[in-house]
Amino acid sequence: MALTSIDTGTDELLATLEDGIALLTLNRPENRNALSEPMLDALAMLLDRCEKDAAIRCVVLTGAGGAFCAGGDVKSMAESDDPGSAEQTLDEVIHRQRLLQRATAGKLYQMPKPTIAALSGAAAGAGMSLALACDLRVMSTRAFLVTAFARVGFSGDYGGSYFLTQLLGTAKARELFYLCERVLAEEALELGLTNWVVEPDTLRDDTMLIARRLADGPTAAFRYMKENLNRAINGDMQECLDMEATHHVHSRFTEDHRESALAFVEKREPVFRGR
């Protein structure tokens, strides 16, 4: 499949599709890709499309320039009015925040397709949260994670408290939230916050190689796997066993399974079609 551009409606988010991989690039490099309303709205719209479009089999989220995402645009916050105003009530602001979080971090975490965050540099605040919402992370040696919320008097958003607690346990999550210490790439690898650490000049190629393996894989099985793994975080053991049994039997009757069994007999690589 040739590389095609996807219209996002804004220059603040770029998107391309190639070989079943949707590459979404946060594009405000002059602000270290800090989140803006146009960017978040576009990201929510694109992630919804990625979930529904059968041609998209893997999603990669990255940032332009030398950063992944600096989180909220603190400069714009300092220049804006208080949240509750004549234009929007406080409850309306809270409702919009909830919807955006579900449509972005929530969608990355729950959509039935593999998601990867490629971090060339800083992932701070909500940027860290978006990275942790993905299934897998690839960090360059220059990248780091930092909660950053306490430094600007925030409690945290976009799922950071949930994802850090699930990945690290509550004590370490509290330490990182309270003290805002940077977690450099190698430490992130040791802690299990990232899956790979690579050189900056190979980040894109290394990430796309992983994404290509996922995009070429058994999409239906991945969908069931992801639901199993997400349920394993909060469900009890018996519930997880039952869900695994249901999904495993469903997988048995997919075209991908039949193709892989035939390929095994014929001693060749299977060609998965996501059905």
C-alpha atoms as a PDB file:
ATOM      1  CA  MET A   1       0.000   0.000   0.000  1.00  0.00           C
ATOM      2  CA  ALA A   2       1.339   3.430  -0.939  1.00  0.00           C
ATOM      3  CA  LEU A   3       1.815   6.101   1.686  1.00  0.00           C
ATOM      4  CA  THR A   4      -1.286   8.285   1.848  1.00  0.00           C
ATOM      5  CA  SER A   5      -1.983  11.415   3.862  1.00  0.00           C
ATOM      6  CA  ILE A   6      -5.043  11.631   6.077  1.00  0.00           C
ATOM      7  CA  ASP A   7      -6.807  14.951   6.468  1.00  0.00           C
ATOM      8  CA  THR A   8      -6.978  15.839  10.171  1.00  0.00           C
ATOM      9  CA  GLY A   9      -8.506  19.282   9.762  1.00  0.00           C
ATOM     10  CA  THR A  10      -5.520  20.976  11.407  1.00  0.00           C
ATOM     11  CA  ASP A  11      -1.774  21.337  10.913  1.00  0.00           C
ATOM     12  CA  GLU A  12      -1.346  20.567  14.608  1.00  0.00           C
ATOM     13  CA  LEU A  13      -1.898  16.863  13.976  1.00  0.00           C
ATOM     14  CA  LEU A  14      -0.431  15.063  10.962  1.00  0.00           C
ATOM     15  CA  ALA A  15      -1.528  11.604   9.873  1.00  0.00           C
ATOM     16  CA  THR A  16      -0.481   9.080   7.248  1.00  0.00           C
ATOM     17  CA  LEU A  17      -1.502   5.533   6.384  1.00  0.00           C
ATOM     18  CA  GLU A  18       0.896   2.968   4.948  1.00  0.00           C
ATOM     19  CA  ASP A  19       0.768  -0.839   4.968  1.00  0.00           C
ATOM     20  CA  GLY A  20      -2.045  -0.834   7.522  1.00  0.00           C
ATOM     21  CA  ILE A  21      -0.179   1.486   9.913  1.00  0.00           C
ATOM     22  CA  ALA A  22      -1.705   4.831  10.863  1.00  0.00           C
ATOM     23  CA  LEU A  23       1.065   7.202  11.960  1.00  0.00           C
ATOM     24  CA  LEU A  24      -0.305  10.120  13.982  1.00  0.00           C
ATOM     25  CA  THR A  25       2.129  12.966  14.677  1.00  0.00           C
ATOM     26  CA  LEU A  26       1.520  15.679  17.251  1.00  0.00           C
ATOM     27  CA  ASN A  27       2.762  18.731  15.381  1.00  0.00           C
ATOM     28  CA  ARG A  28       3.465  21.796  17.507  1.00  0.00           C
ATOM     29  CA  PRO A  29       7.258  21.452  17.703  1.00  0.00           C
ATOM     30  CA  GLU A  30       7.720  25.106  18.688  1.00  0.00           C
ATOM     31  CA  ASN A  31       5.763  24.288  21.881  1.00  0.00           C
ATOM     32  CA  ARG A  32       7.213  20.779  22.333  1.00  0.00           C
ATOM     33  CA  ASN A  33       3.911  19.485  20.946  1.00  0.00           C
ATOM     34  CA  ALA A  34       1.895  20.825  23.887  1.00  0.00           C
ATOM     35  CA  LEU A  35      -1.755  19.890  23.621  1.00  0.00           C
ATOM     36  CA  SER A  36      -4.209  22.393  22.188  1.00  0.00           C
ATOM     37  CA  GLU A  37      -7.950  22.199  21.597  1.00  0.00           C
ATOM     38  CA  PRO A  38      -7.591  21.788  17.806  1.00  0.00           C
ATOM     39  CA  MET A  39      -4.978  19.058  18.320  1.00  0.00           C
ATOM     40  CA  LEU A  40      -7.078  17.163  20.872  1.00  0.00           C
ATOM     41  CA  ASP A  41     -10.247  17.414  18.797  1.00  0.00           C
ATOM     42  CA  ALA A  42      -8.386  16.151  15.743  1.00  0.00           C
ATOM     43  CA  LEU A  43      -6.746  13.346  17.717  1.00  0.00           C
ATOM     44  CA  ALA A  44     -10.128  12.234  19.062  1.00  0.00           C
ATOM     45  CA  MET A  45     -11.582  12.230  15.555  1.00  0.00           C
ATOM     46  CA  LEU A  46      -8.648  10.335  14.056  1.00  0.00           C
ATOM     47  CA  LEU A  47      -8.556   7.693  16.782  1.00  0.00           C
ATOM     48  CA  ASP A  48     -12.257   7.047  16.253  1.00  0.00           C
ATOM     49  CA  ARG A  49     -11.553   6.549  12.551  1.00  0.00           C
ATOM     50  CA  CYS A  50      -8.596   4.292  13.325  1.00  0.00           C
ATOM     51  CA  GLU A  51     -10.798   2.071  15.446  1.00  0.00           C
ATOM     52  CA  LYS A  52     -13.510   1.763  12.793  1.00  0.00           C
ATOM     53  CA  ASP A  53     -11.408   1.550   9.599  1.00  0.00           C
ATOM     54  CA  ALA A  54     -10.554  -2.072   8.793  1.00  0.00           C
ATOM     55  CA  ALA A  55      -7.653  -0.898   6.611  1.00  0.00           C
ATOM     56  CA  ILE A  56      -5.915   0.395   9.753  1.00  0.00           C
ATOM     57  CA  ARG A  57      -4.384  -2.481  11.682  1.00  0.00           C
ATOM     58  CA  CYS A  58      -1.940  -0.676  13.982  1.00  0.00           C
ATOM     59  CA  VAL A  59      -1.689   2.895  15.318  1.00  0.00           C
ATOM     60  CA  VAL A  60       1.555   4.735  16.060  1.00  0.00           C
ATOM     61  CA  LEU A  61       1.495   8.002  18.015  1.00  0.00           C
ATOM     62  CA  THR A  62       4.566  10.243  17.958  1.00  0.00           C
ATOM     63  CA  GLY A  63       5.618  13.880  18.140  1.00  0.00           C
ATOM     64  CA  ALA A  64       7.308  16.220  15.674  1.00  0.00           C
ATOM     65  CA  GLY A  65      10.709  17.692  16.389  1.00  0.00           C
ATOM     66  CA  GLY A  66      12.640  16.757  19.505  1.00  0.00           C
ATOM     67  CA  ALA A  67       9.746  16.049  21.890  1.00  0.00           C
ATOM     68  CA  PHE A  68       6.844  13.653  22.186  1.00  0.00           C
ATOM     69  CA  CYS A  69       4.422  15.917  24.045  1.00  0.00           C
ATOM     70  CA  ALA A  70       4.896  18.488  26.816  1.00  0.00           C
ATOM     71  CA  GLY A  71       1.363  17.964  28.082  1.00  0.00           C
ATOM     72  CA  GLY A  72      -1.004  20.875  28.534  1.00  0.00           C
ATOM     73  CA  ASP A  73      -0.069  24.264  27.117  1.00  0.00           C
ATOM     74  CA  VAL A  74       0.774  25.999  30.396  1.00  0.00           C
ATOM     75  CA  LYS A  75       1.496  29.322  28.689  1.00  0.00           C
ATOM     76  CA  SER A  76      -1.996  29.387  27.181  1.00  0.00           C
ATOM     77  CA  MET A  77      -3.476  28.405  30.539  1.00  0.00           C
ATOM     78  CA  ALA A  78      -1.754  31.355  32.208  1.00  0.00           C
ATOM     79  CA  GLU A  79      -3.223  33.719  29.618  1.00  0.00           C
ATOM     80  CA  SER A  80      -6.768  32.299  29.737  1.00  0.00           C
ATOM     81  CA  ASP A  81      -9.676  33.139  32.010  1.00  0.00           C
ATOM     82  CA  ASP A  82     -10.865  30.997  34.898  1.00  0.00           C
ATOM     83  CA  PRO A  83     -12.530  27.711  33.846  1.00  0.00           C
ATOM     84  CA  GLY A  84     -16.016  28.822  34.824  1.00  0.00           C
ATOM     85  CA  SER A  85     -17.021  31.790  32.690  1.00  0.00           C
ATOM     86  CA  ALA A  86     -20.005  33.314  30.937  1.00  0.00           C
ATOM     87  CA  GLU A  87     -19.267  31.104  27.937  1.00  0.00           C
ATOM     88  CA  GLN A  88     -18.877  27.811  29.809  1.00  0.00           C
ATOM     89  CA  THR A  89     -19.878  26.730  33.273  1.00  0.00           C
ATOM     90  CA  LEU A  90     -17.499  24.713  35.414  1.00  0.00           C
ATOM     91  CA  ASP A  91     -19.618  21.603  34.895  1.00  0.00           C
ATOM     92  CA  GLU A  92     -19.471  22.081  31.128  1.00  0.00           C
ATOM     93  CA  VAL A  93     -15.683  22.349  31.267  1.00  0.00           C
ATOM     94  CA  ILE A  94     -15.499  19.157  33.326  1.00  0.00           C
ATOM     95  CA  HIS A  95     -17.807  17.325  30.903  1.00  0.00           C
ATOM     96  CA  ARG A  96     -15.698  18.338  27.888  1.00  0.00           C
ATOM     97  CA  GLN A  97     -12.523  17.209  29.694  1.00  0.00           C
ATOM     98  CA  ARG A  98     -14.106  13.846  30.402  1.00  0.00           C
ATOM     99  CA  LEU A  99     -15.169  13.380  26.795  1.00  0.00           C
ATOM    100  CA  LEU A 100     -11.716  14.330  25.461  1.00  0.00           C
ATOM    101  CA  GLN A 101      -9.960  11.978  27.866  1.00  0.00           C
ATOM    102  CA  ARG A 102     -12.211   9.067  26.887  1.00  0.00           C
ATOM    103  CA  ALA A 103     -11.768   9.836  23.174  1.00  0.00           C
ATOM    104  CA  THR A 104      -7.959  10.063  23.322  1.00  0.00           C
ATOM    105  CA  ALA A 105      -6.198   8.239  26.173  1.00  0.00           C
ATOM    106  CA  GLY A 106      -9.224   6.016  26.692  1.00  0.00           C
ATOM    107  CA  LYS A 107      -9.429   5.187  22.996  1.00  0.00           C
ATOM    108  CA  LEU A 108      -5.705   4.368  22.735  1.00  0.00           C
ATOM    109  CA  TYR A 109      -6.066   2.008  25.683  1.00  0.00           C
ATOM    110  CA  GLN A 110      -9.333   0.337  24.696  1.00  0.00           C
ATOM    111  CA  MET A 111      -9.460   0.266  20.896  1.00  0.00           C
ATOM    112  CA  PRO A 112      -9.202  -3.354  19.692  1.00  0.00           C
ATOM    113  CA  LYS A 113      -6.001  -2.731  17.740  1.00  0.00           C
ATOM    114  CA  PRO A 114      -2.348  -2.489  18.824  1.00  0.00           C
ATOM    115  CA  THR A 115      -1.171   1.035  19.671  1.00  0.00           C
ATOM    116  CA  ILE A 116       2.443   2.198  19.964  1.00  0.00           C
ATOM    117  CA  ALA A 117       3.928   5.433  21.292  1.00  0.00           C
ATOM    118  CA  ALA A 118       7.274   6.489  19.763  1.00  0.00           C
ATOM    119  CA  LEU A 119       9.047   8.963  22.042  1.00  0.00           C
ATOM    120  CA  SER A 120      11.880  11.023  20.615  1.00  0.00           C
ATOM    121  CA  GLY A 121      12.060  13.307  23.656  1.00  0.00           C
ATOM    122  CA  ALA A 122      10.054  14.590  26.598  1.00  0.00           C
ATOM    123  CA  ALA A 123       6.676  13.082  27.469  1.00  0.00           C
ATOM    124  CA  ALA A 124       5.396  15.260  30.294  1.00  0.00           C
ATOM    125  CA  GLY A 125       2.082  15.541  32.109  1.00  0.00           C
ATOM    126  CA  ALA A 126      -0.777  14.599  29.803  1.00  0.00           C
ATOM    127  CA  GLY A 127       1.831  13.740  27.166  1.00  0.00           C
ATOM    128  CA  MET A 128       3.179  11.061  29.489  1.00  0.00           C
ATOM    129  CA  SER A 129      -0.372   9.866  30.073  1.00  0.00           C
ATOM    130  CA  LEU A 130      -1.024   9.490  26.331  1.00  0.00           C
ATOM    131  CA  ALA A 131       2.209   7.540  25.915  1.00  0.00           C
ATOM    132  CA  LEU A 132       1.319   5.209  28.792  1.00  0.00           C
ATOM    133  CA  ALA A 133      -2.173   4.696  27.337  1.00  0.00           C
ATOM    134  CA  CYS A 134      -0.626   2.921  24.344  1.00  0.00           C
ATOM    135  CA  ASP A 135       0.000  -0.815  24.395  1.00  0.00           C
ATOM    136  CA  LEU A 136       3.711  -0.467  23.685  1.00  0.00           C
ATOM    137  CA  ARG A 137       6.343   2.262  23.920  1.00  0.00           C
ATOM    138  CA  VAL A 138       9.596   2.843  22.060  1.00  0.00           C
ATOM    139  CA  MET A 139      11.848   5.517  23.578  1.00  0.00           C
ATOM    140  CA  SER A 140      14.942   7.104  22.126  1.00  0.00           C
ATOM    141  CA  THR A 141      17.934   7.403  24.434  1.00  0.00           C
ATOM    142  CA  ARG A 142      17.137  11.140  24.680  1.00  0.00           C
ATOM    143  CA  ALA A 143      13.539  10.638  25.801  1.00  0.00           C
ATOM    144  CA  PHE A 144      12.178  10.835  29.327  1.00  0.00           C
ATOM    145  CA  LEU A 145       8.881  10.624  31.183  1.00  0.00           C
ATOM    146  CA  VAL A 146       7.791  13.037  33.901  1.00  0.00           C
ATOM    147  CA  THR A 147       4.433  13.568  35.603  1.00  0.00           C
ATOM    148  CA  ALA A 148       5.050  17.345  35.922  1.00  0.00           C
ATOM    149  CA  PHE A 149       1.535  17.986  37.246  1.00  0.00           C
ATOM    150  CA  ALA A 150       2.567  19.081  40.747  1.00  0.00           C
ATOM    151  CA  ARG A 151       4.918  21.687  39.291  1.00  0.00           C
ATOM    152  CA  VAL A 152       1.963  23.570  37.852  1.00  0.00           C
ATOM    153  CA  GLY A 153      -0.518  22.862  40.649  1.00  0.00           C
ATOM    154  CA  PHE A 154      -2.489  20.150  38.858  1.00  0.00           C
ATOM    155  CA  SER A 155      -3.583  16.754  40.154  1.00  0.00           C
ATOM    156  CA  GLY A 156      -3.163  14.952  36.813  1.00  0.00           C
ATOM    157  CA  ASP A 157      -5.277  13.971  33.808  1.00  0.00           C
ATOM    158  CA  TYR A 158      -5.595  11.727  30.739  1.00  0.00           C
ATOM    159  CA  GLY A 159      -5.238   8.580  32.833  1.00  0.00           C
ATOM    160  CA  GLY A 160      -1.729   9.116  34.178  1.00  0.00           C
ATOM    161  CA  SER A 161      -2.609   8.089  37.729  1.00  0.00           C
ATOM    162  CA  TYR A 162      -4.312   4.924  36.452  1.00  0.00           C
ATOM    163  CA  PHE A 163      -1.608   3.873  34.006  1.00  0.00           C
ATOM    164  CA  LEU A 164       1.321   4.554  36.343  1.00  0.00           C
ATOM    165  CA  THR A 165      -0.353   2.686  39.185  1.00  0.00           C
ATOM    166  CA  GLN A 166      -1.092  -0.305  36.965  1.00  0.00           C
ATOM    167  CA  LEU A 167       2.414  -0.410  35.504  1.00  0.00           C
ATOM    168  CA  LEU A 168       4.441   0.380  38.632  1.00  0.00           C
ATOM    169  CA  GLY A 169       2.280  -0.122  41.702  1.00  0.00           C
ATOM    170  CA  THR A 170       0.897   2.576  43.946  1.00  0.00           C
ATOM    171  CA  ALA A 171       4.040   3.466  45.922  1.00  0.00           C
ATOM    172  CA  LYS A 172       6.206   4.275  42.886  1.00  0.00           C
ATOM    173  CA  ALA A 173       3.320   6.012  41.156  1.00  0.00           C
ATOM    174  CA  ARG A 174       2.851   8.286  44.167  1.00  0.00           C
ATOM    175  CA  GLU A 175       6.565   9.048  44.258  1.00  0.00           C
ATOM    176  CA  LEU A 176       6.566  10.108  40.616  1.00  0.00           C
ATOM    177  CA  PHE A 177       3.384  12.167  40.974  1.00  0.00           C
ATOM    178  CA  TYR A 178       4.439  13.923  44.175  1.00  0.00           C
ATOM    179  CA  LEU A 179       8.093  14.606  43.337  1.00  0.00           C
ATOM    180  CA  CYS A 180       7.987  15.004  39.538  1.00  0.00           C
ATOM    181  CA  GLU A 181      11.349  13.328  39.019  1.00  0.00           C
ATOM    182  CA  ARG A 182      12.305  12.582  35.436  1.00  0.00           C
ATOM    183  CA  VAL A 183      12.412   8.939  34.409  1.00  0.00           C
ATOM    184  CA  LEU A 184      15.117   8.636  31.771  1.00  0.00           C
ATOM    185  CA  ALA A 185      14.859   6.055  29.018  1.00  0.00           C
ATOM    186  CA  GLU A 186      17.094   3.391  30.570  1.00  0.00           C
ATOM    187  CA  GLU A 187      15.332   3.655  33.938  1.00  0.00           C
ATOM    188  CA  ALA A 188      11.988   3.512  32.155  1.00  0.00           C
ATOM    189  CA  LEU A 189      13.122   0.257  30.547  1.00  0.00           C
ATOM    190  CA  GLU A 190      14.146  -1.173  33.929  1.00  0.00           C
ATOM    191  CA  LEU A 191      10.833  -0.141  35.497  1.00  0.00           C
ATOM    192  CA  GLY A 192       8.774  -1.561  32.643  1.00  0.00           C
ATOM    193  CA  LEU A 193       7.465   1.821  31.478  1.00  0.00           C
ATOM    194  CA  THR A 194       8.897   1.294  28.009  1.00  0.00           C
ATOM    195  CA  ASN A 195       9.439  -1.795  25.902  1.00  0.00           C
ATOM    196  CA  TRP A 196      12.457  -0.653  23.885  1.00  0.00           C
ATOM    197  CA  VAL A 197      15.161   2.020  24.026  1.00  0.00           C
ATOM    198  CA  VAL A 198      16.772   2.860  20.700  1.00  0.00           C
ATOM    199  CA  GLU A 199      19.097   5.440  19.206  1.00  0.00           C
ATOM    200  CA  PRO A 200      17.414   8.729  18.207  1.00  0.00           C
ATOM    201  CA  ASP A 201      18.258   8.408  14.523  1.00  0.00           C
ATOM    202  CA  THR A 202      16.670   4.932  14.287  1.00  0.00           C
ATOM    203  CA  LEU A 203      13.540   5.629  16.375  1.00  0.00           C
ATOM    204  CA  ARG A 204      11.162   5.931  13.441  1.00  0.00           C
ATOM    205  CA  ASP A 205      12.515   2.923  11.528  1.00  0.00           C
ATOM    206  CA  ASP A 206      12.639   0.729  14.632  1.00  0.00           C
ATOM    207  CA  THR A 207       9.108   1.709  15.622  1.00  0.00           C
ATOM    208  CA  MET A 208       7.710   1.134  12.138  1.00  0.00           C
ATOM    209  CA  LEU A 209       9.385  -2.279  12.000  1.00  0.00           C
ATOM    210  CA  ILE A 210       7.495  -3.289  15.164  1.00  0.00           C
ATOM    211  CA  ALA A 211       4.286  -1.707  13.853  1.00  0.00           C
ATOM    212  CA  ARG A 212       4.629  -3.585  10.576  1.00  0.00           C
ATOM    213  CA  ARG A 213       4.901  -6.897  12.416  1.00  0.00           C
ATOM    214  CA  LEU A 214       1.683  -6.054  14.273  1.00  0.00           C
ATOM    215  CA  ALA A 215      -0.106  -4.795  11.155  1.00  0.00           C
ATOM    216  CA  ASP A 216       0.810  -8.044   9.368  1.00  0.00           C
ATOM    217  CA  GLY A 217      -0.374 -10.135  12.310  1.00  0.00           C
ATOM    218  CA  PRO A 218      -3.678 -11.848  13.158  1.00  0.00           C
ATOM    219  CA  THR A 219      -5.890  -8.821  13.769  1.00  0.00           C
ATOM    220  CA  ALA A 220      -8.834 -10.764  15.178  1.00  0.00           C
ATOM    221  CA  ALA A 221      -6.597 -12.578  17.652  1.00  0.00           C
ATOM    222  CA  PHE A 222      -4.968  -9.286  18.685  1.00  0.00           C
ATOM    223  CA  ARG A 223      -8.420  -7.825  19.323  1.00  0.00           C
ATOM    224  CA  TYR A 224      -9.256 -10.695  21.658  1.00  0.00           C
ATOM    225  CA  MET A 225      -5.801 -10.561  23.274  1.00  0.00           C
ATOM    226  CA  LYS A 226      -6.123  -6.880  24.067  1.00  0.00           C
ATOM    227  CA  GLU A 227      -9.507  -7.330  25.697  1.00  0.00           C
ATOM    228  CA  ASN A 228      -8.173 -10.280  27.703  1.00  0.00           C
ATOM    229  CA  LEU A 229      -5.141  -8.311  28.883  1.00  0.00           C
ATOM    230  CA  ASN A 230      -7.148  -5.214  29.790  1.00  0.00           C
ATOM    231  CA  ARG A 231      -9.664  -7.321  31.700  1.00  0.00           C
ATOM    232  CA  ALA A 232      -6.817  -9.075  33.540  1.00  0.00           C
ATOM    233  CA  ILE A 233      -5.929  -5.779  35.212  1.00  0.00           C
ATOM    234  CA  ASN A 234      -9.266  -5.389  36.982  1.00  0.00           C
ATOM    235  CA  GLY A 235     -11.201  -8.622  36.587  1.00  0.00           C
ATOM    236  CA  ASP A 236     -10.995 -11.559  38.972  1.00  0.00           C
ATOM    237  CA  MET A 237      -9.240 -14.775  37.985  1.00  0.00           C
ATOM    238  CA  GLN A 238     -12.372 -16.776  37.174  1.00  0.00           C
ATOM    239  CA  GLU A 239     -13.729 -13.956  34.989  1.00  0.00           C
ATOM    240  CA  CYS A 240     -10.432 -13.791  33.082  1.00  0.00           C
ATOM    241  CA  LEU A 241     -10.353 -17.555  32.567  1.00  0.00           C
ATOM    242  CA  ASP A 242     -13.893 -17.514  31.187  1.00  0.00           C
ATOM    243  CA  MET A 243     -13.164 -14.613  28.831  1.00  0.00           C
ATOM    244  CA  GLU A 244      -9.994 -16.317  27.592  1.00  0.00           C
ATOM    245  CA  ALA A 245     -11.964 -19.483  26.838  1.00  0.00           C
ATOM    246  CA  THR A 246     -14.611 -17.565  24.888  1.00  0.00           C
ATOM    247  CA  HIS A 247     -12.080 -15.595  22.872  1.00  0.00           C
ATOM    248  CA  HIS A 248      -9.832 -18.590  22.238  1.00  0.00           C
ATOM    249  CA  VAL A 249     -12.699 -20.598  20.744  1.00  0.00           C
ATOM    250  CA  HIS A 250     -13.817 -17.611  18.658  1.00  0.00           C
ATOM    251  CA  SER A 251     -10.248 -17.290  17.357  1.00  0.00           C
ATOM    252  CA  ARG A 252     -10.309 -20.931  16.287  1.00  0.00           C
ATOM    253  CA  PHE A 253     -13.013 -20.149  13.724  1.00  0.00           C
ATOM    254  CA  THR A 254     -11.319 -17.130  12.126  1.00  0.00           C
ATOM    255  CA  GLU A 255      -9.863 -17.145   8.621  1.00  0.00           C
ATOM    256  CA  ASP A 256      -6.551 -16.041  10.109  1.00  0.00           C
ATOM    257  CA  HIS A 257      -6.334 -19.181  12.222  1.00  0.00           C
ATOM    258  CA  ARG A 258      -7.142 -21.420   9.260  1.00  0.00           C
ATOM    259  CA  GLU A 259      -4.543 -19.590   7.166  1.00  0.00           C
ATOM    260  CA  SER A 260      -1.876 -19.971   9.862  1.00  0.00           C
ATOM    261  CA  ALA A 261      -2.580 -23.688  10.229  1.00  0.00           C
ATOM    262  CA  LEU A 262      -2.353 -24.171   6.454  1.00  0.00           C
ATOM    263  CA  ALA A 263       0.852 -22.124   6.319  1.00  0.00           C
ATOM    264  CA  PHE A 264       2.345 -24.303   9.055  1.00  0.00           C
ATOM    265  CA  VAL A 265       1.637 -27.446   7.043  1.00  0.00           C
ATOM    266  CA  GLU A 266       2.956 -25.835   3.851  1.00  0.00           C
ATOM    267  CA  LYS A 267       6.064 -24.523   5.655  1.00  0.00           C
ATOM    268  CA  ARG A 268       5.529 -20.860   4.704  1.00  0.00           C
ATOM    269  CA  GLU A 269       4.731 -17.586   6.422  1.00  0.00           C
ATOM    270  CA  PRO A 270       0.990 -16.953   6.943  1.00  0.00           C
ATOM    271  CA  VAL A 271      -0.747 -14.006   5.305  1.00  0.00           C
ATOM    272  CA  PHE A 272      -3.204 -12.597   7.822  1.00  0.00           C
ATOM    273  CA  ARG A 273      -6.226 -10.629   6.612  1.00  0.00           C
ATOM    274  CA  GLY A 274      -7.847  -9.699   9.901  1.00  0.00           C
ATOM    275  CA  ARG A 275     -10.866 -11.965   9.484  1.00  0.00           C
END
